[in-house]
C-alpha cells in the first residue's frame, strides 16, 4: 500500500488530480453551506440563477 501511494504521488498528473479533487471538495462544501444557511425560497432562487444559463442552451 505504501509503495502504491508513493508511486501515485510521483506520477506526472498527480498535482492535476489533487487540484481537481480540492476544487470539487470546495464546491461541495460551498453548496452545503448555502443549502444549510439560506431559506428554501432563497436557495431555490440561487439554484435557478446558477442553472439558468446552462438550461437556456
PDB file of N, CA and C in Angstrom:
ATOM      1  N   UNK A   1       0.818  -1.190   0.000  1.00  0.00           N
ATOM      2  CA  UNK A   1       0.000   0.000   0.000  1.00  0.00           C
ATOM      3  C   UNK A   1       0.867   1.261   0.000  1.00  0.00           C
ATOM      4  N   UNK A   2       1.925   1.217   0.800  1.00  0.00           N
ATOM      5  CA  UNK A   2       2.829   2.362   0.871  1.00  0.00           C
ATOM      6  C   UNK A   2       3.513   2.594  -0.479  1.00  0.00           C
ATOM      7  N   UNK A   3       3.902   1.510  -1.155  1.00  0.00           N
ATOM      8  CA  UNK A   3       4.540   1.627  -2.466  1.00  0.00           C
ATOM      9  C   UNK A   3       3.565   2.189  -3.494  1.00  0.00           C
ATOM     10  N   UNK A   4       2.319   1.752  -3.430  1.00  0.00           N
ATOM     11  CA  UNK A   4       1.305   2.244  -4.359  1.00  0.00           C
ATOM     12  C   UNK A   4       1.075   3.739  -4.165  1.00  0.00           C
ATOM     13  N   UNK A   5       0.999   4.172  -2.913  1.00  0.00           N
ATOM     14  CA  UNK A   5       0.794   5.585  -2.622  1.00  0.00           C
ATOM     15  C   UNK A   5       1.980   6.427  -3.075  1.00  0.00           C
ATOM     16  N   UNK A   6       3.199   5.960  -2.830  1.00  0.00           N
ATOM     17  CA  UNK A   6       4.370   6.725  -3.255  1.00  0.00           C
ATOM     18  C   UNK A   6       4.478   6.758  -4.780  1.00  0.00           C
ATOM     19  N   UNK A   7       4.075   5.677  -5.448  1.00  0.00           N
ATOM     20  CA  UNK A   7       4.077   5.661  -6.916  1.00  0.00           C
ATOM     21  C   UNK A   7       3.051   6.647  -7.459  1.00  0.00           C
ATOM     22  N   UNK A   8       1.875   6.709  -6.830  1.00  0.00           N
ATOM     23  CA  UNK A   8       0.831   7.632  -7.258  1.00  0.00           C
ATOM     24  C   UNK A   8       1.281   9.079  -7.101  1.00  0.00           C
ATOM     25  N   UNK A   9       1.945   9.391  -5.998  1.00  0.00           N
ATOM     26  CA  UNK A   9       2.397  10.762  -5.753  1.00  0.00           C
ATOM     27  C   UNK A   9       3.467  11.176  -6.762  1.00  0.00           C
ATOM     28  N   UNK A  10       4.295  10.238  -7.197  1.00  0.00           N
ATOM     29  CA  UNK A  10       5.354  10.564  -8.152  1.00  0.00           C
ATOM     30  C   UNK A  10       4.865  10.659  -9.597  1.00  0.00           C
ATOM     31  N   UNK A  11       3.613  10.331  -9.853  1.00  0.00           N
ATOM     32  CA  UNK A  11       3.078  10.419 -11.217  1.00  0.00           C
ATOM     33  C   UNK A  11       3.082  11.872 -11.693  1.00  0.00           C
ATOM     34  N   UNK A  12       3.160  12.040 -13.014  1.00  0.00           N
ATOM     35  CA  UNK A  12       3.184  13.382 -13.594  1.00  0.00           C
ATOM     36  C   UNK A  12       1.860  14.119 -13.385  1.00  0.00           C
ATOM     37  N   UNK A  13       0.761  13.398 -13.386  1.00  0.00           N
ATOM     38  CA  UNK A  13      -0.549  14.038 -13.314  1.00  0.00           C
ATOM     39  C   UNK A  13      -1.102  14.126 -11.897  1.00  0.00           C
ATOM     40  N   UNK A  14      -0.312  13.825 -10.899  1.00  0.00           N
ATOM     41  CA  UNK A  14      -0.812  13.825  -9.524  1.00  0.00           C
ATOM     42  C   UNK A  14      -1.281  15.214  -9.079  1.00  0.00           C
ATOM     43  N   UNK A  15      -0.525  16.248  -9.393  1.00  0.00           N
ATOM     44  CA  UNK A  15      -0.914  17.590  -8.970  1.00  0.00           C
ATOM     45  C   UNK A  15      -2.212  18.027  -9.640  1.00  0.00           C
ATOM     46  N   UNK A  16      -2.403  17.639 -10.878  1.00  0.00           N
ATOM     47  CA  UNK A  16      -3.655  17.959 -11.561  1.00  0.00           C
ATOM     48  C   UNK A  16      -4.820  17.245 -10.890  1.00  0.00           C
ATOM     49  N   UNK A  17      -4.651  15.988 -10.582  1.00  0.00           N
ATOM     50  CA  UNK A  17      -5.693  15.224  -9.901  1.00  0.00           C
ATOM     51  C   UNK A  17      -5.990  15.811  -8.531  1.00  0.00           C
ATOM     52  N   UNK A  18      -4.964  16.134  -7.773  1.00  0.00           N
ATOM     53  CA  UNK A  18      -5.147  16.709  -6.433  1.00  0.00           C
ATOM     54  C   UNK A  18      -5.850  18.061  -6.516  1.00  0.00           C
ATOM     55  N   UNK A  19      -5.489  18.865  -7.486  1.00  0.00           N
ATOM     56  CA  UNK A  19      -6.143  20.167  -7.659  1.00  0.00           C
ATOM     57  C   UNK A  19      -7.607  20.023  -8.007  1.00  0.00           C
ATOM     58  N   UNK A  20      -7.919  19.094  -8.901  1.00  0.00           N
ATOM     59  CA  UNK A  20      -9.316  18.875  -9.274  1.00  0.00           C
ATOM     60  C   UNK A  20     -10.131  18.367  -8.089  1.00  0.00           C
ATOM     61  N   UNK A  21      -9.558  17.483  -7.297  1.00  0.00           N
ATOM     62  CA  UNK A  21     -10.264  16.987  -6.117  1.00  0.00           C
ATOM     63  C   UNK A  21     -10.492  18.095  -5.101  1.00  0.00           C
ATOM     64  N   UNK A  22      -9.509  18.950  -4.913  1.00  0.00           N
ATOM     65  CA  UNK A  22      -9.640  20.043  -3.962  1.00  0.00           C
ATOM     66  C   UNK A  22     -10.731  21.017  -4.395  1.00  0.00           C
ATOM     67  N   UNK A  23     -10.751  21.385  -5.660  1.00  0.00           N
ATOM     68  CA  UNK A  23     -11.771  22.304  -6.168  1.00  0.00           C
ATOM     69  C   UNK A  23     -13.158  21.680  -6.046  1.00  0.00           C
ATOM     70  N   UNK A  24     -13.276  20.381  -6.320  1.00  0.00           N
ATOM     71  CA  UNK A  24     -14.560  19.697  -6.186  1.00  0.00           C
ATOM     72  C   UNK A  24     -15.031  19.702  -4.730  1.00  0.00           C
ATOM     73  N   UNK A  25     -14.128  19.445  -3.792  1.00  0.00           N
ATOM     74  CA  UNK A  25     -14.497  19.459  -2.379  1.00  0.00           C
ATOM     75  C   UNK A  25     -14.908  20.859  -1.914  1.00  0.00           C
ATOM     76  N   UNK A  26     -14.223  21.870  -2.397  1.00  0.00           N
ATOM     77  CA  UNK A  26     -14.592  23.245  -2.049  1.00  0.00           C
ATOM     78  C   UNK A  26     -15.976  23.577  -2.603  1.00  0.00           C
ATOM     79  N   UNK A  27     -16.264  23.137  -3.815  1.00  0.00           N
ATOM     80  CA  UNK A  27     -17.581  23.375  -4.409  1.00  0.00           C
ATOM     81  C   UNK A  27     -18.693  22.690  -3.644  1.00  0.00           C
ATOM     82  N   UNK A  28     -18.481  21.443  -3.266  1.00  0.00           N
ATOM     83  CA  UNK A  28     -19.491  20.713  -2.490  1.00  0.00           C
ATOM     84  C   UNK A  28     -19.671  21.367  -1.125  1.00  0.00           C
ATOM     85  N   UNK A  29     -18.574  21.797  -0.525  1.00  0.00           N
ATOM     86  CA  UNK A  29     -18.667  22.470   0.774  1.00  0.00           C
ATOM     87  C   UNK A  29     -19.431  23.786   0.695  1.00  0.00           C
ATOM     88  N   UNK A  30     -19.159  24.560  -0.336  1.00  0.00           N
ATOM     89  CA  UNK A  30     -19.890  25.813  -0.522  1.00  0.00           C
ATOM     90  C   UNK A  30     -21.374  25.590  -0.768  1.00  0.00           C
ATOM     91  N   UNK A  31     -21.684  24.566  -1.560  1.00  0.00           N
ATOM     92  CA  UNK A  31     -23.075  24.215  -1.820  1.00  0.00           C
ATOM     93  C   UNK A  31     -23.768  23.808  -0.526  1.00  0.00           C
ATOM     94  N   UNK A  32     -23.093  23.021   0.299  1.00  0.00           N
ATOM     95  CA  UNK A  32     -23.676  22.573   1.565  1.00  0.00           C
ATOM     96  C   UNK A  32     -23.900  23.750   2.510  1.00  0.00           C
ATOM     97  N   UNK A  33     -22.965  24.670   2.550  1.00  0.00           N
ATOM     98  CA  UNK A  33     -23.121  25.842   3.418  1.00  0.00           C
ATOM     99  C   UNK A  33     -24.310  26.678   2.967  1.00  0.00           C
ATOM    100  N   UNK A  34     -24.440  26.899   1.657  1.00  0.00           N
ATOM    101  CA  UNK A  34     -25.584  27.658   1.153  1.00  0.00           C
ATOM    102  C   UNK A  34     -26.896  26.942   1.439  1.00  0.00           C
ATOM    103  N   UNK A  35     -26.924  25.623   1.246  1.00  0.00           N
ATOM    104  CA  UNK A  35     -28.148  24.857   1.472  1.00  0.00           C
ATOM    105  C   UNK A  35     -28.566  24.923   2.940  1.00  0.00           C
ATOM    106  N   UNK A  36     -27.599  24.951   3.843  1.00  0.00           N
ATOM    107  CA  UNK A  36     -27.933  24.979   5.270  1.00  0.00           C
ATOM    108  C   UNK A  36     -28.241  26.380   5.781  1.00  0.00           C
ATOM    109  N   UNK A  37     -27.680  27.407   5.173  1.00  0.00           N
ATOM    110  CA  UNK A  37     -27.822  28.743   5.731  1.00  0.00           C
ATOM    111  C   UNK A  37     -28.948  29.560   5.107  1.00  0.00           C
ATOM    112  N   UNK A  38     -29.290  29.291   3.850  1.00  0.00           N
ATOM    113  CA  UNK A  38     -30.332  30.076   3.194  1.00  0.00           C
ATOM    114  C   UNK A  38     -31.708  29.461   3.428  1.00  0.00           C
ATOM    115  N   UNK A  39     -32.737  30.304   3.461  1.00  0.00           N
ATOM    116  CA  UNK A  39     -34.095  29.750   3.495  1.00  0.00           C
ATOM    117  C   UNK A  39     -34.396  29.027   2.177  1.00  0.00           C
ATOM    118  N   UNK A  40     -35.412  28.165   2.178  1.00  0.00           N
ATOM    119  CA  UNK A  40     -35.721  27.364   0.985  1.00  0.00           C
ATOM    120  C   UNK A  40     -35.965  28.223  -0.250  1.00  0.00           C
ATOM    121  N   UNK A  41     -36.696  29.319  -0.083  1.00  0.00           N
ATOM    122  CA  UNK A  41     -37.026  30.163  -1.238  1.00  0.00           C
ATOM    123  C   UNK A  41     -35.774  30.808  -1.821  1.00  0.00           C
ATOM    124  N   UNK A  42     -34.915  31.333  -0.968  1.00  0.00           N
ATOM    125  CA  UNK A  42     -33.689  31.980  -1.441  1.00  0.00           C
ATOM    126  C   UNK A  42     -32.745  30.963  -2.065  1.00  0.00           C
ATOM    127  N   UNK A  43     -32.660  29.768  -1.476  1.00  0.00           N
ATOM    128  CA  UNK A  43     -31.801  28.738  -2.051  1.00  0.00           C
ATOM    129  C   UNK A  43     -32.331  28.295  -3.413  1.00  0.00           C
ATOM    130  N   UNK A  44     -33.638  28.158  -3.535  1.00  0.00           N
ATOM    131  CA  UNK A  44     -34.236  27.808  -4.826  1.00  0.00           C
ATOM    132  C   UNK A  44     -33.958  28.861  -5.882  1.00  0.00           C
ATOM    133  N   UNK A  45     -34.049  30.134  -5.507  1.00  0.00           N
ATOM    134  CA  UNK A  45     -33.728  31.209  -6.449  1.00  0.00           C
ATOM    135  C   UNK A  45     -32.263  31.159  -6.862  1.00  0.00           C
ATOM    136  N   UNK A  46     -31.390  30.868  -5.917  1.00  0.00           N
ATOM    137  CA  UNK A  46     -29.965  30.780  -6.231  1.00  0.00           C
ATOM    138  C   UNK A  46     -29.698  29.635  -7.208  1.00  0.00           C
ATOM    139  N   UNK A  47     -30.342  28.481  -6.971  1.00  0.00           N
ATOM    140  CA  UNK A  47     -30.155  27.330  -7.856  1.00  0.00           C
ATOM    141  C   UNK A  47     -30.636  27.672  -9.262  1.00  0.00           C
ATOM    142  N   UNK A  48     -31.795  28.314  -9.374  1.00  0.00           N
ATOM    143  CA  UNK A  48     -32.292  28.705 -10.698  1.00  0.00           C
ATOM    144  C   UNK A  48     -31.384  29.734 -11.354  1.00  0.00           C
ATOM    145  N   UNK A  49     -30.843  30.660 -10.560  1.00  0.00           N
ATOM    146  CA  UNK A  49     -29.925  31.668 -11.100  1.00  0.00           C
ATOM    147  C   UNK A  49     -28.662  31.015 -11.658  1.00  0.00           C
ATOM    148  N   UNK A  50     -28.113  30.040 -10.920  1.00  0.00           N
ATOM    149  CA  UNK A  50     -26.896  29.360 -11.349  1.00  0.00           C
ATOM    150  C   UNK A  50     -27.177  28.466 -12.557  1.00  0.00           C
ATOM    151  N   UNK A  51     -28.314  27.778 -12.542  1.00  0.00           N
ATOM    152  CA  UNK A  51     -28.627  26.819 -13.610  1.00  0.00           C
ATOM    153  C   UNK A  51     -29.210  27.502 -14.834  1.00  0.00           C
ATOM    154  N   UNK A  52     -29.673  28.733 -14.699  1.00  0.00           N
ATOM    155  CA  UNK A  52     -30.336  29.423 -15.802  1.00  0.00           C
ATOM    156  C   UNK A  52     -29.569  29.460 -17.101  1.00  0.00           C
ATOM    157  N   UNK A  53     -28.320  29.939 -17.111  1.00  0.00           N
ATOM    158  CA  UNK A  53     -27.578  29.992 -18.376  1.00  0.00           C
ATOM    159  C   UNK A  53     -27.336  28.589 -18.968  1.00  0.00           C
ATOM    160  N   UNK A  54     -27.205  27.577 -18.133  1.00  0.00           N
ATOM    161  CA  UNK A  54     -26.978  26.230 -18.639  1.00  0.00           C
ATOM    162  C   UNK A  54     -28.257  25.623 -19.210  1.00  0.00           C
ATOM    163  N   UNK A  55     -29.396  25.995 -18.659  1.00  0.00           N
ATOM    164  CA  UNK A  55     -30.652  25.452 -19.138  1.00  0.00           C
ATOM    165  C   UNK A  55     -31.100  26.083 -20.445  1.00  0.00           C
ATOM    166  N   UNK A  56     -30.640  27.318 -20.704  1.00  0.00           N
ATOM    167  CA  UNK A  56     -31.108  28.023 -21.887  1.00  0.00           C
ATOM    168  C   UNK A  56     -30.405  27.598 -23.169  1.00  0.00           C
ATOM    169  N   UNK A  57     -29.341  26.823 -23.083  1.00  0.00           N
ATOM    170  CA  UNK A  57     -28.603  26.425 -24.301  1.00  0.00           C
ATOM    171  C   UNK A  57     -29.286  25.322 -25.034  1.00  0.00           C
TER     172      UNK A  57
END
